[in-house]
């Protein structure tokens, strides 16, 4: 059995139920579009969200996105 970790409040591994994850396909530096997509995914049952961070503009947007969402965010 694998070791259980937590991504925010979501348990992963170690016998935890499978969590529903998705990745945004918006440009991460477009905060409004990314937050809207995350809210839609959360409404559909998503428990962990992933966003691409290919440049500094996207990296700067992450803190603002995080303020506007309620599920754990993983930056790739």
PDB file of N, CA and C in Angstrom:
ATOM      1  N   UNK A   1       0.848  -1.169   0.000  1.00  0.00           N
ATOM      2  CA  UNK A   1       0.000   0.000   0.000  1.00  0.00           C
ATOM      3  C   UNK A   1       0.897   1.237   0.000  1.00  0.00           C
ATOM      4  N   UNK A   2       0.435   2.291  -0.678  1.00  0.00           N
ATOM      5  CA  UNK A   2       1.212   3.522  -0.757  1.00  0.00           C
ATOM      6  C   UNK A   2       0.978   4.374   0.491  1.00  0.00           C
ATOM      7  N   UNK A   3       1.855   5.335   0.677  1.00  0.00           N
ATOM      8  CA  UNK A   3       1.730   6.262   1.797  1.00  0.00           C
ATOM      9  C   UNK A   3       0.661   7.307   1.472  1.00  0.00           C
ATOM     10  N   UNK A   4      -0.166   7.611   2.443  1.00  0.00           N
ATOM     11  CA  UNK A   4      -1.202   8.613   2.230  1.00  0.00           C
ATOM     12  C   UNK A   4      -0.632  10.012   2.469  1.00  0.00           C
ATOM     13  N   UNK A   5      -0.960  10.922   1.563  1.00  0.00           N
ATOM     14  CA  UNK A   5      -0.607  12.331   1.714  1.00  0.00           C
ATOM     15  C   UNK A   5      -1.894  13.147   1.574  1.00  0.00           C
ATOM     16  N   UNK A   6      -1.806  14.413   1.864  1.00  0.00           N
ATOM     17  CA  UNK A   6      -2.949  15.304   1.698  1.00  0.00           C
ATOM     18  C   UNK A   6      -2.570  16.422   0.742  1.00  0.00           C
ATOM     19  N   UNK A   7      -3.459  16.678  -0.199  1.00  0.00           N
ATOM     20  CA  UNK A   7      -3.355  17.831  -1.090  1.00  0.00           C
ATOM     21  C   UNK A   7      -4.471  18.752  -0.614  1.00  0.00           C
ATOM     22  N   UNK A   8      -4.104  19.758   0.166  1.00  0.00           N
ATOM     23  CA  UNK A   8      -5.123  20.514   0.874  1.00  0.00           C
ATOM     24  C   UNK A   8      -5.810  19.573   1.836  1.00  0.00           C
ATOM     25  N   UNK A   9      -7.112  19.521   1.792  1.00  0.00           N
ATOM     26  CA  UNK A   9      -7.871  18.621   2.665  1.00  0.00           C
ATOM     27  C   UNK A   9      -8.174  17.275   2.010  1.00  0.00           C
ATOM     28  N   UNK A  10      -7.697  17.066   0.782  1.00  0.00           N
ATOM     29  CA  UNK A  10      -8.005  15.845   0.032  1.00  0.00           C
ATOM     30  C   UNK A  10      -6.922  14.797   0.269  1.00  0.00           C
ATOM     31  N   UNK A  11      -7.312  13.656   0.811  1.00  0.00           N
ATOM     32  CA  UNK A  11      -6.381  12.549   1.023  1.00  0.00           C
ATOM     33  C   UNK A  11      -6.124  11.846  -0.306  1.00  0.00           C
ATOM     34  N   UNK A  12      -4.840  11.495  -0.536  1.00  0.00           N
ATOM     35  CA  UNK A  12      -4.441  10.805  -1.760  1.00  0.00           C
ATOM     36  C   UNK A  12      -3.551   9.628  -1.372  1.00  0.00           C
ATOM     37  N   UNK A  13      -3.835   8.445  -1.920  1.00  0.00           N
ATOM     38  CA  UNK A  13      -3.024   7.258  -1.641  1.00  0.00           C
ATOM     39  C   UNK A  13      -3.364   6.635  -0.299  1.00  0.00           C
ATOM     40  N   UNK A  14      -2.658   5.564   0.035  1.00  0.00           N
ATOM     41  CA  UNK A  14      -2.817   4.917   1.329  1.00  0.00           C
ATOM     42  C   UNK A  14      -4.214   4.438   1.636  1.00  0.00           C
ATOM     43  N   UNK A  15      -4.945   4.022   0.610  1.00  0.00           N
ATOM     44  CA  UNK A  15      -6.284   3.507   0.815  1.00  0.00           C
ATOM     45  C   UNK A  15      -7.373   4.566   0.758  1.00  0.00           C
ATOM     46  N   UNK A  16      -7.001   5.825   0.520  1.00  0.00           N
ATOM     47  CA  UNK A  16      -8.010   6.882   0.399  1.00  0.00           C
ATOM     48  C   UNK A  16      -8.828   6.662  -0.866  1.00  0.00           C
ATOM     49  N   UNK A  17     -10.064   7.131  -0.888  1.00  0.00           N
ATOM     50  CA  UNK A  17     -10.852   7.023  -2.115  1.00  0.00           C
ATOM     51  C   UNK A  17     -10.163   7.776  -3.260  1.00  0.00           C
ATOM     52  N   UNK A  18     -10.411   7.345  -4.474  1.00  0.00           N
ATOM     53  CA  UNK A  18      -9.837   8.022  -5.636  1.00  0.00           C
ATOM     54  C   UNK A  18     -10.393   9.439  -5.687  1.00  0.00           C
ATOM     55  N   UNK A  19      -9.484  10.417  -5.845  1.00  0.00           N
ATOM     56  CA  UNK A  19      -9.927  11.811  -5.929  1.00  0.00           C
ATOM     57  C   UNK A  19     -10.089  12.212  -7.391  1.00  0.00           C
ATOM     58  N   UNK A  20     -11.014  13.117  -7.617  1.00  0.00           N
ATOM     59  CA  UNK A  20     -11.279  13.598  -8.976  1.00  0.00           C
ATOM     60  C   UNK A  20     -10.433  14.839  -9.206  1.00  0.00           C
ATOM     61  N   UNK A  21      -9.576  14.775 -10.233  1.00  0.00           N
ATOM     62  CA  UNK A  21      -8.686  15.873 -10.576  1.00  0.00           C
ATOM     63  C   UNK A  21      -8.904  16.270 -12.024  1.00  0.00           C
ATOM     64  N   UNK A  22      -8.603  17.527 -12.307  1.00  0.00           N
ATOM     65  CA  UNK A  22      -8.628  17.987 -13.685  1.00  0.00           C
ATOM     66  C   UNK A  22      -7.579  19.069 -13.843  1.00  0.00           C
ATOM     67  N   UNK A  23      -7.281  19.383 -15.104  1.00  0.00           N
ATOM     68  CA  UNK A  23      -6.315  20.433 -15.406  1.00  0.00           C
ATOM     69  C   UNK A  23      -6.991  21.490 -16.259  1.00  0.00           C
ATOM     70  N   UNK A  24      -6.770  22.744 -15.907  1.00  0.00           N
ATOM     71  CA  UNK A  24      -7.327  23.840 -16.691  1.00  0.00           C
ATOM     72  C   UNK A  24      -6.697  23.871 -18.079  1.00  0.00           C
ATOM     73  N   UNK A  25      -7.488  24.280 -19.060  1.00  0.00           N
ATOM     74  CA  UNK A  25      -6.934  24.475 -20.405  1.00  0.00           C
ATOM     75  C   UNK A  25      -6.968  25.945 -20.810  1.00  0.00           C
ATOM     76  N   UNK A  26      -7.185  26.813 -19.822  1.00  0.00           N
ATOM     77  CA  UNK A  26      -7.122  28.249 -20.064  1.00  0.00           C
ATOM     78  C   UNK A  26      -5.672  28.702 -19.909  1.00  0.00           C
ATOM     79  N   UNK A  27      -5.386  29.911 -20.384  1.00  0.00           N
ATOM     80  CA  UNK A  27      -4.082  30.509 -20.092  1.00  0.00           C
ATOM     81  C   UNK A  27      -4.116  30.926 -18.627  1.00  0.00           C
ATOM     82  N   UNK A  28      -3.205  30.435 -17.844  1.00  0.00           N
ATOM     83  CA  UNK A  28      -3.227  30.674 -16.411  1.00  0.00           C
ATOM     84  C   UNK A  28      -3.154  32.162 -16.081  1.00  0.00           C
ATOM     85  N   UNK A  29      -2.488  32.954 -16.906  1.00  0.00           N
ATOM     86  CA  UNK A  29      -2.412  34.386 -16.619  1.00  0.00           C
ATOM     87  C   UNK A  29      -3.729  35.116 -16.897  1.00  0.00           C
ATOM     88  N   UNK A  30      -4.703  34.434 -17.486  1.00  0.00           N
ATOM     89  CA  UNK A  30      -6.052  34.974 -17.631  1.00  0.00           C
ATOM     90  C   UNK A  30      -6.840  34.531 -16.397  1.00  0.00           C
ATOM     91  N   UNK A  31      -6.701  35.313 -15.334  1.00  0.00           N
ATOM     92  CA  UNK A  31      -7.251  34.928 -14.035  1.00  0.00           C
ATOM     93  C   UNK A  31      -8.753  34.696 -14.106  1.00  0.00           C
ATOM     94  N   UNK A  32      -9.495  35.602 -14.724  1.00  0.00           N
ATOM     95  CA  UNK A  32     -10.956  35.475 -14.766  1.00  0.00           C
ATOM     96  C   UNK A  32     -11.386  34.185 -15.459  1.00  0.00           C
ATOM     97  N   UNK A  33     -10.791  33.877 -16.595  1.00  0.00           N
ATOM     98  CA  UNK A  33     -11.161  32.670 -17.335  1.00  0.00           C
ATOM     99  C   UNK A  33     -10.764  31.415 -16.563  1.00  0.00           C
ATOM    100  N   UNK A  34      -9.602  31.448 -15.938  1.00  0.00           N
ATOM    101  CA  UNK A  34      -9.129  30.284 -15.188  1.00  0.00           C
ATOM    102  C   UNK A  34     -10.003  30.036 -13.972  1.00  0.00           C
ATOM    103  N   UNK A  35     -10.335  31.095 -13.240  1.00  0.00           N
ATOM    104  CA  UNK A  35     -11.200  30.947 -12.068  1.00  0.00           C
ATOM    105  C   UNK A  35     -12.584  30.446 -12.483  1.00  0.00           C
ATOM    106  N   UNK A  36     -13.125  30.972 -13.579  1.00  0.00           N
ATOM    107  CA  UNK A  36     -14.436  30.512 -14.056  1.00  0.00           C
ATOM    108  C   UNK A  36     -14.390  29.026 -14.398  1.00  0.00           C
ATOM    109  N   UNK A  37     -13.326  28.596 -15.050  1.00  0.00           N
ATOM    110  CA  UNK A  37     -13.211  27.182 -15.392  1.00  0.00           C
ATOM    111  C   UNK A  37     -13.074  26.323 -14.134  1.00  0.00           C
ATOM    112  N   UNK A  38     -12.298  26.785 -13.170  1.00  0.00           N
ATOM    113  CA  UNK A  38     -12.143  26.034 -11.923  1.00  0.00           C
ATOM    114  C   UNK A  38     -13.481  25.912 -11.203  1.00  0.00           C
ATOM    115  N   UNK A  39     -14.241  26.992 -11.133  1.00  0.00           N
ATOM    116  CA  UNK A  39     -15.555  26.924 -10.479  1.00  0.00           C
ATOM    117  C   UNK A  39     -16.481  25.935 -11.188  1.00  0.00           C
ATOM    118  N   UNK A  40     -16.451  25.930 -12.519  1.00  0.00           N
ATOM    119  CA  UNK A  40     -17.269  24.975 -13.275  1.00  0.00           C
ATOM    120  C   UNK A  40     -16.826  23.540 -12.987  1.00  0.00           C
ATOM    121  N   UNK A  41     -15.532  23.310 -12.938  1.00  0.00           N
ATOM    122  CA  UNK A  41     -15.014  21.971 -12.644  1.00  0.00           C
ATOM    123  C   UNK A  41     -15.369  21.554 -11.215  1.00  0.00           C
ATOM    124  N   UNK A  42     -15.265  22.491 -10.300  1.00  0.00           N
ATOM    125  CA  UNK A  42     -15.630  22.191  -8.915  1.00  0.00           C
ATOM    126  C   UNK A  42     -17.113  21.835  -8.817  1.00  0.00           C
ATOM    127  N   UNK A  43     -17.962  22.569  -9.519  1.00  0.00           N
ATOM    128  CA  UNK A  43     -19.395  22.269  -9.537  1.00  0.00           C
ATOM    129  C   UNK A  43     -19.667  20.883 -10.115  1.00  0.00           C
ATOM    130  N   UNK A  44     -18.797  20.421 -11.006  1.00  0.00           N
ATOM    131  CA  UNK A  44     -18.952  19.101 -11.626  1.00  0.00           C
ATOM    132  C   UNK A  44     -18.358  17.985 -10.769  1.00  0.00           C
ATOM    133  N   UNK A  45     -17.761  18.343  -9.614  1.00  0.00           N
ATOM    134  CA  UNK A  45     -17.236  17.314  -8.713  1.00  0.00           C
ATOM    135  C   UNK A  45     -15.728  17.240  -8.607  1.00  0.00           C
ATOM    136  N   UNK A  46     -15.015  18.109  -9.286  1.00  0.00           N
ATOM    137  CA  UNK A  46     -13.553  18.105  -9.216  1.00  0.00           C
ATOM    138  C   UNK A  46     -13.105  18.448  -7.791  1.00  0.00           C
ATOM    139  N   UNK A  47     -12.092  17.709  -7.293  1.00  0.00           N
ATOM    140  CA  UNK A  47     -11.607  17.917  -5.926  1.00  0.00           C
ATOM    141  C   UNK A  47     -10.217  18.533  -5.872  1.00  0.00           C
ATOM    142  N   UNK A  48      -9.430  18.374  -6.941  1.00  0.00           N
ATOM    143  CA  UNK A  48      -8.082  18.947  -7.037  1.00  0.00           C
ATOM    144  C   UNK A  48      -7.945  19.512  -8.440  1.00  0.00           C
ATOM    145  N   UNK A  49      -7.420  20.733  -8.546  1.00  0.00           N
ATOM    146  CA  UNK A  49      -7.247  21.353  -9.855  1.00  0.00           C
ATOM    147  C   UNK A  49      -5.767  21.588 -10.129  1.00  0.00           C
ATOM    148  N   UNK A  50      -5.396  21.454 -11.397  1.00  0.00           N
ATOM    149  CA  UNK A  50      -4.017  21.685 -11.817  1.00  0.00           C
ATOM    150  C   UNK A  50      -4.001  22.793 -12.858  1.00  0.00           C
ATOM    151  N   UNK A  51      -2.993  23.642 -12.789  1.00  0.00           N
ATOM    152  CA  UNK A  51      -2.811  24.729 -13.749  1.00  0.00           C
ATOM    153  C   UNK A  51      -1.367  24.714 -14.244  1.00  0.00           C
ATOM    154  N   UNK A  52      -1.200  24.986 -15.519  1.00  0.00           N
ATOM    155  CA  UNK A  52       0.144  25.089 -16.095  1.00  0.00           C
ATOM    156  C   UNK A  52       0.751  26.438 -15.716  1.00  0.00           C
ATOM    157  N   UNK A  53       2.049  26.428 -15.424  1.00  0.00           N
ATOM    158  CA  UNK A  53       2.769  27.653 -15.087  1.00  0.00           C
ATOM    159  C   UNK A  53       4.029  27.709 -15.960  1.00  0.00           C
ATOM    160  N   UNK A  54       3.842  28.076 -17.241  1.00  0.00           N
ATOM    161  CA  UNK A  54       4.979  28.059 -18.168  1.00  0.00           C
ATOM    162  C   UNK A  54       5.852  29.308 -18.134  1.00  0.00           C
ATOM    163  N   UNK A  55       5.396  30.369 -17.448  1.00  0.00           N
ATOM    164  CA  UNK A  55       6.175  31.614 -17.452  1.00  0.00           C
ATOM    165  C   UNK A  55       5.860  32.434 -16.202  1.00  0.00           C
ATOM    166  N   UNK A  56       6.545  33.558 -16.041  1.00  0.00           N
ATOM    167  CA  UNK A  56       6.381  34.386 -14.847  1.00  0.00           C
ATOM    168  C   UNK A  56       4.988  35.012 -14.756  1.00  0.00           C
ATOM    169  N   UNK A  57       4.363  35.338 -15.882  1.00  0.00           N
ATOM    170  CA  UNK A  57       3.016  35.905 -15.842  1.00  0.00           C
ATOM    171  C   UNK A  57       2.035  34.907 -15.227  1.00  0.00           C
ATOM    172  N   UNK A  58       2.172  33.666 -15.616  1.00  0.00           N
ATOM    173  CA  UNK A  58       1.322  32.621 -15.046  1.00  0.00           C
ATOM    174  C   UNK A  58       1.632  32.425 -13.568  1.00  0.00           C
ATOM    175  N   UNK A  59       2.908  32.465 -13.213  1.00  0.00           N
ATOM    176  CA  UNK A  59       3.295  32.301 -11.806  1.00  0.00           C
ATOM    177  C   UNK A  59       2.710  33.413 -10.950  1.00  0.00           C
ATOM    178  N   UNK A  60       2.715  34.632 -11.458  1.00  0.00           N
ATOM    179  CA  UNK A  60       2.147  35.754 -10.711  1.00  0.00           C
ATOM    180  C   UNK A  60       0.637  35.613 -10.543  1.00  0.00           C
ATOM    181  N   UNK A  61      -0.017  35.011 -11.501  1.00  0.00           N
ATOM    182  CA  UNK A  61      -1.477  34.861 -11.448  1.00  0.00           C
ATOM    183  C   UNK A  61      -1.923  33.832 -10.411  1.00  0.00           C
ATOM    184  N   UNK A  62      -1.076  32.886 -10.081  1.00  0.00           N
ATOM    185  CA  UNK A  62      -1.460  31.788  -9.183  1.00  0.00           C
ATOM    186  C   UNK A  62      -1.979  32.297  -7.844  1.00  0.00           C
ATOM    187  N   UNK A  63      -1.327  33.296  -7.262  1.00  0.00           N
ATOM    188  CA  UNK A  63      -1.774  33.768  -5.945  1.00  0.00           C
ATOM    189  C   UNK A  63      -3.173  34.376  -6.015  1.00  0.00           C
ATOM    190  N   UNK A  64      -3.491  35.089  -7.088  1.00  0.00           N
ATOM    191  CA  UNK A  64      -4.826  35.672  -7.236  1.00  0.00           C
ATOM    192  C   UNK A  64      -5.862  34.583  -7.488  1.00  0.00           C
ATOM    193  N   UNK A  65      -5.505  33.590  -8.299  1.00  0.00           N
ATOM    194  CA  UNK A  65      -6.411  32.464  -8.553  1.00  0.00           C
ATOM    195  C   UNK A  65      -6.722  31.752  -7.243  1.00  0.00           C
ATOM    196  N   UNK A  66      -5.696  31.479  -6.464  1.00  0.00           N
ATOM    197  CA  UNK A  66      -5.856  30.747  -5.206  1.00  0.00           C
ATOM    198  C   UNK A  66      -6.820  31.463  -4.272  1.00  0.00           C
ATOM    199  N   UNK A  67      -6.797  32.799  -4.258  1.00  0.00           N
ATOM    200  CA  UNK A  67      -7.694  33.573  -3.398  1.00  0.00           C
ATOM    201  C   UNK A  67      -9.166  33.380  -3.774  1.00  0.00           C
ATOM    202  N   UNK A  68      -9.428  33.013  -5.025  1.00  0.00           N
ATOM    203  CA  UNK A  68     -10.799  32.976  -5.534  1.00  0.00           C
ATOM    204  C   UNK A  68     -11.392  31.571  -5.658  1.00  0.00           C
ATOM    205  N   UNK A  69     -10.642  30.552  -5.234  1.00  0.00           N
ATOM    206  CA  UNK A  69     -11.136  29.179  -5.367  1.00  0.00           C
ATOM    207  C   UNK A  69     -11.154  28.486  -4.002  1.00  0.00           C
ATOM    208  N   UNK A  70     -11.830  27.348  -3.958  1.00  0.00           N
ATOM    209  CA  UNK A  70     -11.978  26.618  -2.690  1.00  0.00           C
ATOM    210  C   UNK A  70     -11.369  25.231  -2.707  1.00  0.00           C
ATOM    211  N   UNK A  71     -10.815  24.800  -3.840  1.00  0.00           N
ATOM    212  CA  UNK A  71     -10.227  23.459  -3.906  1.00  0.00           C
ATOM    213  C   UNK A  71      -8.706  23.575  -4.023  1.00  0.00           C
ATOM    214  N   UNK A  72      -7.987  22.522  -3.662  1.00  0.00           N
ATOM    215  CA  UNK A  72      -6.532  22.556  -3.756  1.00  0.00           C
ATOM    216  C   UNK A  72      -6.061  22.806  -5.187  1.00  0.00           C
ATOM    217  N   UNK A  73      -5.011  23.588  -5.310  1.00  0.00           N
ATOM    218  CA  UNK A  73      -4.433  23.956  -6.605  1.00  0.00           C
ATOM    219  C   UNK A  73      -3.018  23.415  -6.702  1.00  0.00           C
ATOM    220  N   UNK A  74      -2.741  22.698  -7.777  1.00  0.00           N
ATOM    221  CA  UNK A  74      -1.400  22.195  -8.054  1.00  0.00           C
ATOM    222  C   UNK A  74      -0.886  22.928  -9.274  1.00  0.00           C
ATOM    223  N   UNK A  75       0.283  23.543  -9.159  1.00  0.00           N
ATOM    224  CA  UNK A  75       0.872  24.277 -10.271  1.00  0.00           C
ATOM    225  C   UNK A  75       1.900  23.378 -10.950  1.00  0.00           C
ATOM    226  N   UNK A  76       1.700  23.141 -12.243  1.00  0.00           N
ATOM    227  CA  UNK A  76       2.615  22.294 -13.025  1.00  0.00           C
ATOM    228  C   UNK A  76       3.525  23.168 -13.855  1.00  0.00           C
TER     229      UNK A  76
END
